[in-house]
N, C-alpha and C. Protein backbone atom coordinates (compact mmCIF):
# COMPACT_ATOMS: atom_id res chain seq x y z
N MET A 1 -71.51 -21.83 -18.19
CA MET A 1 -70.18 -22.26 -18.59
C MET A 1 -69.67 -21.42 -19.76
N ARG A 2 -70.56 -21.21 -20.76
CA ARG A 2 -70.17 -20.40 -21.92
C ARG A 2 -69.87 -18.96 -21.51
N ARG A 3 -70.66 -18.46 -20.61
CA ARG A 3 -70.48 -17.08 -20.16
C ARG A 3 -69.13 -16.93 -19.45
N LEU A 4 -68.76 -17.91 -18.62
CA LEU A 4 -67.47 -17.90 -17.92
C LEU A 4 -66.32 -17.95 -18.91
N LEU A 5 -66.42 -18.82 -19.90
CA LEU A 5 -65.38 -18.94 -20.92
C LEU A 5 -65.24 -17.63 -21.71
N ARG A 6 -66.38 -17.02 -22.05
CA ARG A 6 -66.36 -15.77 -22.79
C ARG A 6 -65.71 -14.66 -21.97
N THR A 7 -65.97 -14.63 -20.66
CA THR A 7 -65.39 -13.62 -19.77
C THR A 7 -63.87 -13.80 -19.68
N ILE A 8 -63.42 -15.05 -19.58
CA ILE A 8 -61.98 -15.31 -19.52
C ILE A 8 -61.30 -14.90 -20.82
N MET A 9 -61.90 -15.23 -21.94
CA MET A 9 -61.33 -14.87 -23.25
C MET A 9 -61.29 -13.36 -23.42
N LEU A 10 -62.32 -12.67 -22.98
CA LEU A 10 -62.35 -11.21 -23.08
C LEU A 10 -61.27 -10.58 -22.21
N ALA A 11 -61.08 -11.10 -21.00
CA ALA A 11 -60.04 -10.57 -20.11
C ALA A 11 -58.65 -10.80 -20.70
N ALA A 12 -58.43 -11.96 -21.31
CA ALA A 12 -57.14 -12.25 -21.93
C ALA A 12 -56.90 -11.33 -23.12
N ALA A 13 -57.91 -11.10 -23.92
CA ALA A 13 -57.78 -10.21 -25.08
C ALA A 13 -57.48 -8.79 -24.64
N LEU A 14 -58.13 -8.32 -23.57
CA LEU A 14 -57.86 -6.97 -23.07
C LEU A 14 -56.45 -6.85 -22.53
N ALA A 15 -55.97 -7.89 -21.85
CA ALA A 15 -54.61 -7.85 -21.30
C ALA A 15 -53.58 -7.79 -22.41
N VAL A 16 -53.78 -8.54 -23.47
CA VAL A 16 -52.83 -8.53 -24.59
C VAL A 16 -52.89 -7.21 -25.32
N SER A 17 -54.12 -6.68 -25.56
CA SER A 17 -54.24 -5.41 -26.28
C SER A 17 -53.69 -4.24 -25.46
N ALA A 18 -53.80 -4.34 -24.13
CA ALA A 18 -53.26 -3.28 -23.27
C ALA A 18 -51.75 -3.36 -23.16
N GLY A 19 -51.20 -4.49 -23.54
CA GLY A 19 -49.75 -4.64 -23.54
C GLY A 19 -49.18 -5.12 -22.22
N THR A 20 -50.02 -5.46 -21.25
CA THR A 20 -49.49 -5.86 -19.95
C THR A 20 -48.78 -7.20 -20.02
N VAL A 21 -49.26 -8.12 -20.82
CA VAL A 21 -48.64 -9.43 -20.91
C VAL A 21 -47.36 -9.35 -21.73
N SER A 22 -47.40 -8.70 -22.88
CA SER A 22 -46.24 -8.68 -23.78
C SER A 22 -45.11 -7.82 -23.24
N THR A 23 -45.41 -6.70 -22.55
CA THR A 23 -44.32 -5.85 -22.07
C THR A 23 -43.58 -6.49 -20.90
N ALA A 24 -44.30 -7.20 -20.03
CA ALA A 24 -43.63 -7.86 -18.91
C ALA A 24 -42.71 -8.94 -19.44
N PHE A 25 -43.12 -9.63 -20.47
CA PHE A 25 -42.30 -10.69 -21.05
C PHE A 25 -41.12 -10.09 -21.82
N ALA A 26 -41.33 -8.99 -22.54
CA ALA A 26 -40.29 -8.41 -23.37
C ALA A 26 -39.21 -7.71 -22.53
N GLN A 27 -39.52 -7.27 -21.33
CA GLN A 27 -38.55 -6.55 -20.52
C GLN A 27 -37.56 -7.47 -19.82
N GLN A 28 -37.84 -8.77 -19.74
CA GLN A 28 -36.96 -9.71 -19.06
C GLN A 28 -35.71 -9.97 -19.89
N THR A 29 -34.56 -9.93 -19.24
CA THR A 29 -33.30 -10.20 -19.93
C THR A 29 -32.57 -11.35 -19.24
N VAL A 30 -31.71 -12.03 -20.00
CA VAL A 30 -30.88 -13.11 -19.46
C VAL A 30 -29.44 -12.87 -19.90
N ILE A 31 -28.53 -13.54 -19.24
CA ILE A 31 -27.11 -13.42 -19.56
C ILE A 31 -26.69 -14.65 -20.37
N ILE A 32 -25.97 -14.41 -21.47
CA ILE A 32 -25.45 -15.50 -22.29
C ILE A 32 -23.96 -15.29 -22.54
N PRO A 33 -23.21 -16.36 -22.80
CA PRO A 33 -21.79 -16.20 -23.13
C PRO A 33 -21.63 -15.71 -24.58
N THR A 34 -20.58 -14.95 -24.83
CA THR A 34 -20.28 -14.52 -26.20
C THR A 34 -19.26 -15.43 -26.86
N ARG A 35 -18.65 -16.31 -26.06
CA ARG A 35 -17.68 -17.29 -26.57
C ARG A 35 -17.77 -18.54 -25.71
N VAL A 36 -17.11 -19.61 -26.13
CA VAL A 36 -17.12 -20.85 -25.37
C VAL A 36 -16.34 -20.64 -24.06
N ILE A 37 -16.94 -21.02 -22.95
CA ILE A 37 -16.29 -20.96 -21.64
C ILE A 37 -16.16 -22.41 -21.17
N TYR A 38 -14.92 -22.85 -20.96
CA TYR A 38 -14.65 -24.24 -20.63
C TYR A 38 -14.71 -24.50 -19.12
N PRO A 39 -14.97 -25.76 -18.72
CA PRO A 39 -15.00 -26.08 -17.30
C PRO A 39 -13.69 -25.72 -16.59
N GLY A 40 -13.81 -25.12 -15.42
CA GLY A 40 -12.63 -24.70 -14.66
C GLY A 40 -12.18 -23.29 -14.99
N GLU A 41 -12.74 -22.68 -16.02
CA GLU A 41 -12.36 -21.32 -16.43
C GLU A 41 -13.16 -20.30 -15.63
N ILE A 42 -12.51 -19.21 -15.23
CA ILE A 42 -13.18 -18.14 -14.49
C ILE A 42 -14.02 -17.31 -15.46
N VAL A 43 -15.26 -17.06 -15.09
CA VAL A 43 -16.19 -16.30 -15.92
C VAL A 43 -15.96 -14.81 -15.68
N THR A 44 -15.76 -14.04 -16.76
CA THR A 44 -15.58 -12.60 -16.66
C THR A 44 -16.67 -11.90 -17.45
N THR A 45 -16.92 -10.63 -17.12
CA THR A 45 -18.00 -9.90 -17.81
C THR A 45 -17.70 -9.65 -19.28
N ASP A 46 -16.43 -9.63 -19.68
CA ASP A 46 -16.13 -9.41 -21.10
C ASP A 46 -16.50 -10.61 -21.96
N SER A 47 -16.77 -11.77 -21.35
CA SER A 47 -17.19 -12.95 -22.11
C SER A 47 -18.69 -13.19 -22.00
N LEU A 48 -19.43 -12.19 -21.47
CA LEU A 48 -20.88 -12.32 -21.28
C LEU A 48 -21.61 -11.19 -21.97
N GLU A 49 -22.89 -11.43 -22.23
CA GLU A 49 -23.72 -10.43 -22.89
C GLU A 49 -25.14 -10.53 -22.31
N GLU A 50 -25.80 -9.39 -22.15
CA GLU A 50 -27.18 -9.38 -21.69
C GLU A 50 -28.09 -9.23 -22.90
N VAL A 51 -29.04 -10.15 -23.03
CA VAL A 51 -29.96 -10.14 -24.18
C VAL A 51 -31.39 -10.26 -23.69
N PRO A 52 -32.35 -9.73 -24.45
CA PRO A 52 -33.76 -9.89 -24.05
C PRO A 52 -34.20 -11.35 -24.22
N LEU A 53 -35.05 -11.78 -23.33
CA LEU A 53 -35.59 -13.13 -23.38
C LEU A 53 -36.61 -13.20 -24.51
N ARG A 54 -36.42 -14.14 -25.43
CA ARG A 54 -37.29 -14.22 -26.60
C ARG A 54 -38.38 -15.27 -26.47
N ARG A 55 -38.26 -16.15 -25.51
CA ARG A 55 -39.28 -17.17 -25.32
C ARG A 55 -39.57 -17.33 -23.85
N GLN A 56 -40.71 -17.91 -23.57
CA GLN A 56 -41.10 -18.10 -22.18
C GLN A 56 -40.33 -19.27 -21.58
N VAL A 57 -39.87 -19.11 -20.34
CA VAL A 57 -39.10 -20.13 -19.65
C VAL A 57 -39.87 -20.53 -18.40
N LYS A 58 -39.94 -21.85 -18.14
CA LYS A 58 -40.70 -22.33 -16.98
C LYS A 58 -40.09 -21.90 -15.66
N ASN A 59 -38.77 -22.10 -15.50
CA ASN A 59 -38.12 -21.80 -14.23
C ASN A 59 -37.08 -20.71 -14.44
N LEU A 60 -37.52 -19.48 -14.49
CA LEU A 60 -36.63 -18.35 -14.76
C LEU A 60 -35.62 -18.14 -13.64
N GLY A 61 -35.96 -18.52 -12.42
CA GLY A 61 -35.06 -18.35 -11.28
C GLY A 61 -33.81 -19.20 -11.35
N ALA A 62 -33.82 -20.24 -12.16
CA ALA A 62 -32.66 -21.12 -12.29
C ALA A 62 -31.63 -20.58 -13.27
N LEU A 63 -31.96 -19.51 -13.98
CA LEU A 63 -31.06 -18.93 -14.97
C LEU A 63 -30.38 -17.68 -14.44
N ALA A 64 -29.21 -17.38 -14.99
CA ALA A 64 -28.48 -16.16 -14.61
C ALA A 64 -29.15 -14.97 -15.28
N LEU A 65 -29.63 -14.04 -14.47
CA LEU A 65 -30.32 -12.86 -14.97
C LEU A 65 -29.49 -11.59 -14.83
N GLU A 66 -28.42 -11.65 -14.01
CA GLU A 66 -27.57 -10.48 -13.78
C GLU A 66 -26.11 -10.88 -13.87
N PHE A 67 -25.25 -9.94 -14.25
CA PHE A 67 -23.82 -10.21 -14.35
C PHE A 67 -23.23 -10.61 -13.00
N GLY A 68 -23.75 -10.05 -11.91
CA GLY A 68 -23.24 -10.33 -10.58
C GLY A 68 -23.38 -11.79 -10.16
N GLN A 69 -24.33 -12.51 -10.76
CA GLN A 69 -24.51 -13.92 -10.45
C GLN A 69 -23.40 -14.78 -11.04
N LEU A 70 -22.65 -14.24 -12.01
CA LEU A 70 -21.64 -15.02 -12.72
C LEU A 70 -20.23 -14.49 -12.59
N GLU A 71 -20.07 -13.21 -12.33
CA GLU A 71 -18.75 -12.57 -12.28
C GLU A 71 -17.84 -13.22 -11.25
N GLY A 72 -16.68 -13.68 -11.67
CA GLY A 72 -15.70 -14.26 -10.77
C GLY A 72 -15.95 -15.71 -10.42
N LYS A 73 -17.03 -16.29 -10.90
CA LYS A 73 -17.33 -17.70 -10.62
C LYS A 73 -16.55 -18.58 -11.60
N VAL A 74 -16.54 -19.87 -11.34
CA VAL A 74 -15.82 -20.83 -12.17
C VAL A 74 -16.86 -21.74 -12.84
N ALA A 75 -16.69 -21.97 -14.14
CA ALA A 75 -17.63 -22.81 -14.88
C ALA A 75 -17.49 -24.27 -14.46
N ARG A 76 -18.62 -24.91 -14.18
CA ARG A 76 -18.63 -26.34 -13.84
C ARG A 76 -18.67 -27.19 -15.10
N ARG A 77 -19.26 -26.65 -16.16
CA ARG A 77 -19.38 -27.36 -17.42
C ARG A 77 -19.16 -26.37 -18.57
N THR A 78 -19.10 -26.86 -19.79
CA THR A 78 -18.88 -25.99 -20.94
C THR A 78 -20.11 -25.11 -21.15
N LEU A 79 -19.89 -23.80 -21.25
CA LEU A 79 -20.96 -22.84 -21.51
C LEU A 79 -20.83 -22.39 -22.96
N LEU A 80 -21.87 -22.62 -23.74
CA LEU A 80 -21.82 -22.34 -25.17
C LEU A 80 -22.36 -20.95 -25.48
N PRO A 81 -21.80 -20.29 -26.51
CA PRO A 81 -22.26 -18.95 -26.88
C PRO A 81 -23.73 -18.98 -27.33
N GLY A 82 -24.47 -17.96 -26.92
CA GLY A 82 -25.86 -17.84 -27.32
C GLY A 82 -26.82 -18.67 -26.48
N ARG A 83 -26.34 -19.47 -25.55
CA ARG A 83 -27.19 -20.31 -24.71
C ARG A 83 -27.36 -19.68 -23.33
N MET A 84 -28.54 -19.81 -22.76
CA MET A 84 -28.78 -19.30 -21.42
C MET A 84 -27.95 -20.10 -20.41
N ILE A 85 -27.54 -19.46 -19.33
CA ILE A 85 -26.64 -20.08 -18.35
C ILE A 85 -27.41 -20.40 -17.07
N PRO A 86 -27.57 -21.69 -16.75
CA PRO A 86 -28.15 -22.03 -15.45
C PRO A 86 -27.18 -21.66 -14.33
N VAL A 87 -27.70 -21.15 -13.24
CA VAL A 87 -26.86 -20.74 -12.11
C VAL A 87 -26.09 -21.94 -11.56
N ALA A 88 -26.65 -23.14 -11.67
CA ALA A 88 -25.99 -24.35 -11.18
C ALA A 88 -24.78 -24.74 -12.04
N SER A 89 -24.58 -24.07 -13.17
CA SER A 89 -23.44 -24.39 -14.05
C SER A 89 -22.16 -23.67 -13.64
N VAL A 90 -22.24 -22.85 -12.59
CA VAL A 90 -21.05 -22.16 -12.10
C VAL A 90 -20.92 -22.38 -10.59
N ARG A 91 -19.72 -22.23 -10.08
CA ARG A 91 -19.47 -22.38 -8.65
C ARG A 91 -18.53 -21.27 -8.21
N ASP A 92 -18.44 -21.08 -6.89
CA ASP A 92 -17.49 -20.11 -6.34
C ASP A 92 -16.07 -20.63 -6.57
N ALA A 93 -15.12 -19.72 -6.72
CA ALA A 93 -13.72 -20.11 -6.88
C ALA A 93 -13.20 -20.67 -5.56
N TRP A 94 -12.32 -21.68 -5.66
CA TRP A 94 -11.75 -22.28 -4.46
C TRP A 94 -10.81 -21.28 -3.78
N LEU A 95 -10.94 -21.14 -2.48
CA LEU A 95 -10.01 -20.32 -1.70
C LEU A 95 -8.88 -21.16 -1.13
N VAL A 96 -9.15 -22.45 -0.88
CA VAL A 96 -8.11 -23.37 -0.44
C VAL A 96 -8.09 -24.55 -1.38
N GLU A 97 -6.90 -25.06 -1.64
CA GLU A 97 -6.74 -26.20 -2.54
C GLU A 97 -5.95 -27.29 -1.82
N PRO A 98 -6.21 -28.55 -2.16
CA PRO A 98 -5.52 -29.65 -1.49
C PRO A 98 -4.00 -29.55 -1.65
N GLY A 99 -3.29 -29.74 -0.55
CA GLY A 99 -1.83 -29.75 -0.58
C GLY A 99 -1.16 -28.40 -0.44
N LYS A 100 -1.89 -27.31 -0.54
CA LYS A 100 -1.30 -25.97 -0.39
C LYS A 100 -1.50 -25.50 1.05
N PRO A 101 -0.40 -25.21 1.76
CA PRO A 101 -0.49 -24.83 3.18
C PRO A 101 -1.36 -23.59 3.40
N VAL A 102 -2.11 -23.62 4.50
CA VAL A 102 -2.97 -22.50 4.89
C VAL A 102 -2.81 -22.25 6.38
N GLN A 103 -3.26 -21.11 6.81
CA GLN A 103 -3.28 -20.74 8.22
C GLN A 103 -4.56 -21.30 8.84
N VAL A 104 -4.44 -22.04 9.92
CA VAL A 104 -5.59 -22.61 10.62
C VAL A 104 -5.69 -21.94 11.98
N ARG A 105 -6.90 -21.47 12.32
CA ARG A 105 -7.08 -20.73 13.57
C ARG A 105 -8.18 -21.35 14.41
N PHE A 106 -7.91 -21.40 15.70
CA PHE A 106 -8.91 -21.79 16.69
C PHE A 106 -9.09 -20.59 17.61
N VAL A 107 -10.32 -20.08 17.69
CA VAL A 107 -10.60 -18.92 18.53
C VAL A 107 -11.71 -19.29 19.50
N HIS A 108 -11.44 -19.06 20.78
CA HIS A 108 -12.44 -19.30 21.82
C HIS A 108 -12.28 -18.19 22.86
N GLY A 109 -13.13 -17.19 22.78
CA GLY A 109 -13.02 -16.04 23.68
C GLY A 109 -11.74 -15.28 23.40
N ALA A 110 -10.92 -15.09 24.43
CA ALA A 110 -9.66 -14.36 24.28
C ALA A 110 -8.52 -15.27 23.79
N LEU A 111 -8.77 -16.59 23.81
CA LEU A 111 -7.74 -17.55 23.39
C LEU A 111 -7.75 -17.70 21.87
N GLU A 112 -6.57 -17.55 21.26
CA GLU A 112 -6.44 -17.77 19.81
C GLU A 112 -5.20 -18.62 19.57
N ILE A 113 -5.39 -19.75 18.89
CA ILE A 113 -4.29 -20.64 18.53
C ILE A 113 -4.21 -20.68 17.02
N SER A 114 -3.02 -20.50 16.49
CA SER A 114 -2.81 -20.47 15.05
C SER A 114 -1.73 -21.48 14.67
N ILE A 115 -2.02 -22.32 13.68
CA ILE A 115 -1.06 -23.32 13.21
C ILE A 115 -1.07 -23.34 11.69
N SER A 116 -0.12 -24.06 11.13
CA SER A 116 -0.09 -24.27 9.68
C SER A 116 -0.74 -25.62 9.39
N GLY A 117 -1.61 -25.64 8.40
CA GLY A 117 -2.31 -26.87 8.05
C GLY A 117 -2.30 -27.12 6.56
N ILE A 118 -2.54 -28.37 6.18
CA ILE A 118 -2.59 -28.76 4.77
C ILE A 118 -4.02 -29.23 4.49
N PRO A 119 -4.77 -28.49 3.65
CA PRO A 119 -6.14 -28.93 3.32
C PRO A 119 -6.11 -30.25 2.54
N LEU A 120 -7.05 -31.12 2.84
CA LEU A 120 -7.18 -32.38 2.13
C LEU A 120 -8.26 -32.29 1.06
N GLN A 121 -9.01 -31.18 1.05
CA GLN A 121 -10.08 -30.95 0.09
C GLN A 121 -10.04 -29.50 -0.36
N ALA A 122 -10.55 -29.24 -1.55
CA ALA A 122 -10.70 -27.87 -2.02
C ALA A 122 -11.96 -27.29 -1.40
N GLY A 123 -11.98 -25.98 -1.21
CA GLY A 123 -13.17 -25.36 -0.62
C GLY A 123 -13.26 -23.88 -0.89
N ALA A 124 -14.49 -23.40 -0.98
CA ALA A 124 -14.78 -21.97 -1.12
C ALA A 124 -15.19 -21.44 0.25
N ALA A 125 -15.41 -20.14 0.35
CA ALA A 125 -15.79 -19.53 1.62
C ALA A 125 -17.06 -20.19 2.16
N GLY A 126 -17.00 -20.60 3.43
CA GLY A 126 -18.14 -21.21 4.07
C GLY A 126 -18.18 -22.73 3.99
N ASP A 127 -17.31 -23.34 3.18
CA ASP A 127 -17.28 -24.80 3.05
C ASP A 127 -16.55 -25.43 4.23
N MET A 128 -17.02 -26.60 4.65
CA MET A 128 -16.35 -27.39 5.68
C MET A 128 -15.36 -28.31 4.96
N VAL A 129 -14.08 -28.23 5.35
CA VAL A 129 -13.04 -29.06 4.71
C VAL A 129 -12.24 -29.80 5.77
N ARG A 130 -11.63 -30.89 5.36
CA ARG A 130 -10.74 -31.66 6.24
C ARG A 130 -9.33 -31.11 6.08
N VAL A 131 -8.62 -30.99 7.21
CA VAL A 131 -7.28 -30.39 7.23
C VAL A 131 -6.35 -31.29 8.05
N ARG A 132 -5.09 -31.37 7.60
CA ARG A 132 -4.09 -32.13 8.35
C ARG A 132 -3.12 -31.14 8.98
N ASN A 133 -2.87 -31.30 10.27
CA ASN A 133 -1.91 -30.47 10.99
C ASN A 133 -0.52 -30.76 10.40
N ALA A 134 0.18 -29.72 9.96
CA ALA A 134 1.48 -29.89 9.32
C ALA A 134 2.52 -30.44 10.29
N ASP A 135 2.40 -30.18 11.59
CA ASP A 135 3.38 -30.63 12.58
C ASP A 135 3.09 -32.03 13.12
N SER A 136 1.84 -32.25 13.56
CA SER A 136 1.52 -33.53 14.22
C SER A 136 0.92 -34.57 13.28
N GLY A 137 0.37 -34.15 12.16
CA GLY A 137 -0.25 -35.09 11.23
C GLY A 137 -1.69 -35.44 11.56
N SER A 138 -2.24 -34.88 12.64
CA SER A 138 -3.64 -35.18 12.98
C SER A 138 -4.58 -34.49 11.99
N VAL A 139 -5.72 -35.15 11.74
CA VAL A 139 -6.70 -34.64 10.76
C VAL A 139 -7.94 -34.15 11.51
N PHE A 140 -8.45 -32.99 11.10
CA PHE A 140 -9.63 -32.39 11.72
C PHE A 140 -10.37 -31.59 10.66
N SER A 141 -11.53 -31.08 11.01
CA SER A 141 -12.35 -30.30 10.07
C SER A 141 -12.40 -28.84 10.49
N GLY A 142 -12.56 -27.98 9.50
CA GLY A 142 -12.68 -26.55 9.76
C GLY A 142 -13.45 -25.88 8.64
N VAL A 143 -13.84 -24.64 8.86
CA VAL A 143 -14.61 -23.86 7.90
C VAL A 143 -13.69 -22.88 7.19
N VAL A 144 -13.79 -22.82 5.85
CA VAL A 144 -12.98 -21.90 5.05
C VAL A 144 -13.54 -20.49 5.24
N MET A 145 -12.67 -19.56 5.59
CA MET A 145 -13.06 -18.17 5.78
C MET A 145 -12.80 -17.38 4.48
N SER A 146 -13.37 -16.19 4.38
CA SER A 146 -13.26 -15.41 3.16
C SER A 146 -11.83 -14.94 2.87
N ASP A 147 -10.96 -14.90 3.88
CA ASP A 147 -9.57 -14.50 3.67
C ASP A 147 -8.66 -15.67 3.26
N GLY A 148 -9.24 -16.86 3.13
CA GLY A 148 -8.44 -18.03 2.71
C GLY A 148 -7.89 -18.85 3.86
N SER A 149 -8.15 -18.42 5.09
CA SER A 149 -7.71 -19.20 6.24
C SER A 149 -8.82 -20.19 6.61
N ILE A 150 -8.51 -21.09 7.54
CA ILE A 150 -9.50 -22.07 8.00
C ILE A 150 -9.70 -21.87 9.49
N ARG A 151 -10.96 -21.84 9.90
CA ARG A 151 -11.29 -21.64 11.32
C ARG A 151 -11.85 -22.94 11.87
N VAL A 152 -11.25 -23.38 12.97
CA VAL A 152 -11.71 -24.60 13.64
C VAL A 152 -12.69 -24.18 14.72
N LEU A 153 -13.82 -24.86 14.75
CA LEU A 153 -14.85 -24.54 15.73
C LEU A 153 -14.65 -25.36 16.98
N SER A 154 -15.01 -24.78 18.13
CA SER A 154 -14.88 -25.53 19.37
C SER A 154 -16.01 -26.55 19.46
N SER A 155 -15.71 -27.70 20.02
CA SER A 155 -16.73 -28.75 20.10
C SER A 155 -17.17 -28.99 21.53
């Protein structure tokens, strides 16, 4: 037992003296705000800063490590300067908003039907939202596309 403990301690001491443990930790960087970012505000790179990680973090994957993870997103909660930003604290910007007319498309093979619709929910690209037909008043669901239109799937 003593021999095993001594071997583990020796291996740890060699790793620290070789710099393998400290350099891997020192090279990690995180993104922090340089000013207060309020909920609903779009996050821009001029309000962010990349800093080296000074302490060990249990779940590093939950934090923003690159500017691309935050650029153009909308803050869900207040982001304070100097604090690490959890990825769950930001969301994609809404492409459709409730009450603002959008183009709704149904495509099935060569058939394409296009109407004007009123979203009943806000949504980002890929979100399923409820839409009301502007002419008939019927309500149905569709997927928000990256161009801001809504695509209805065939059932």
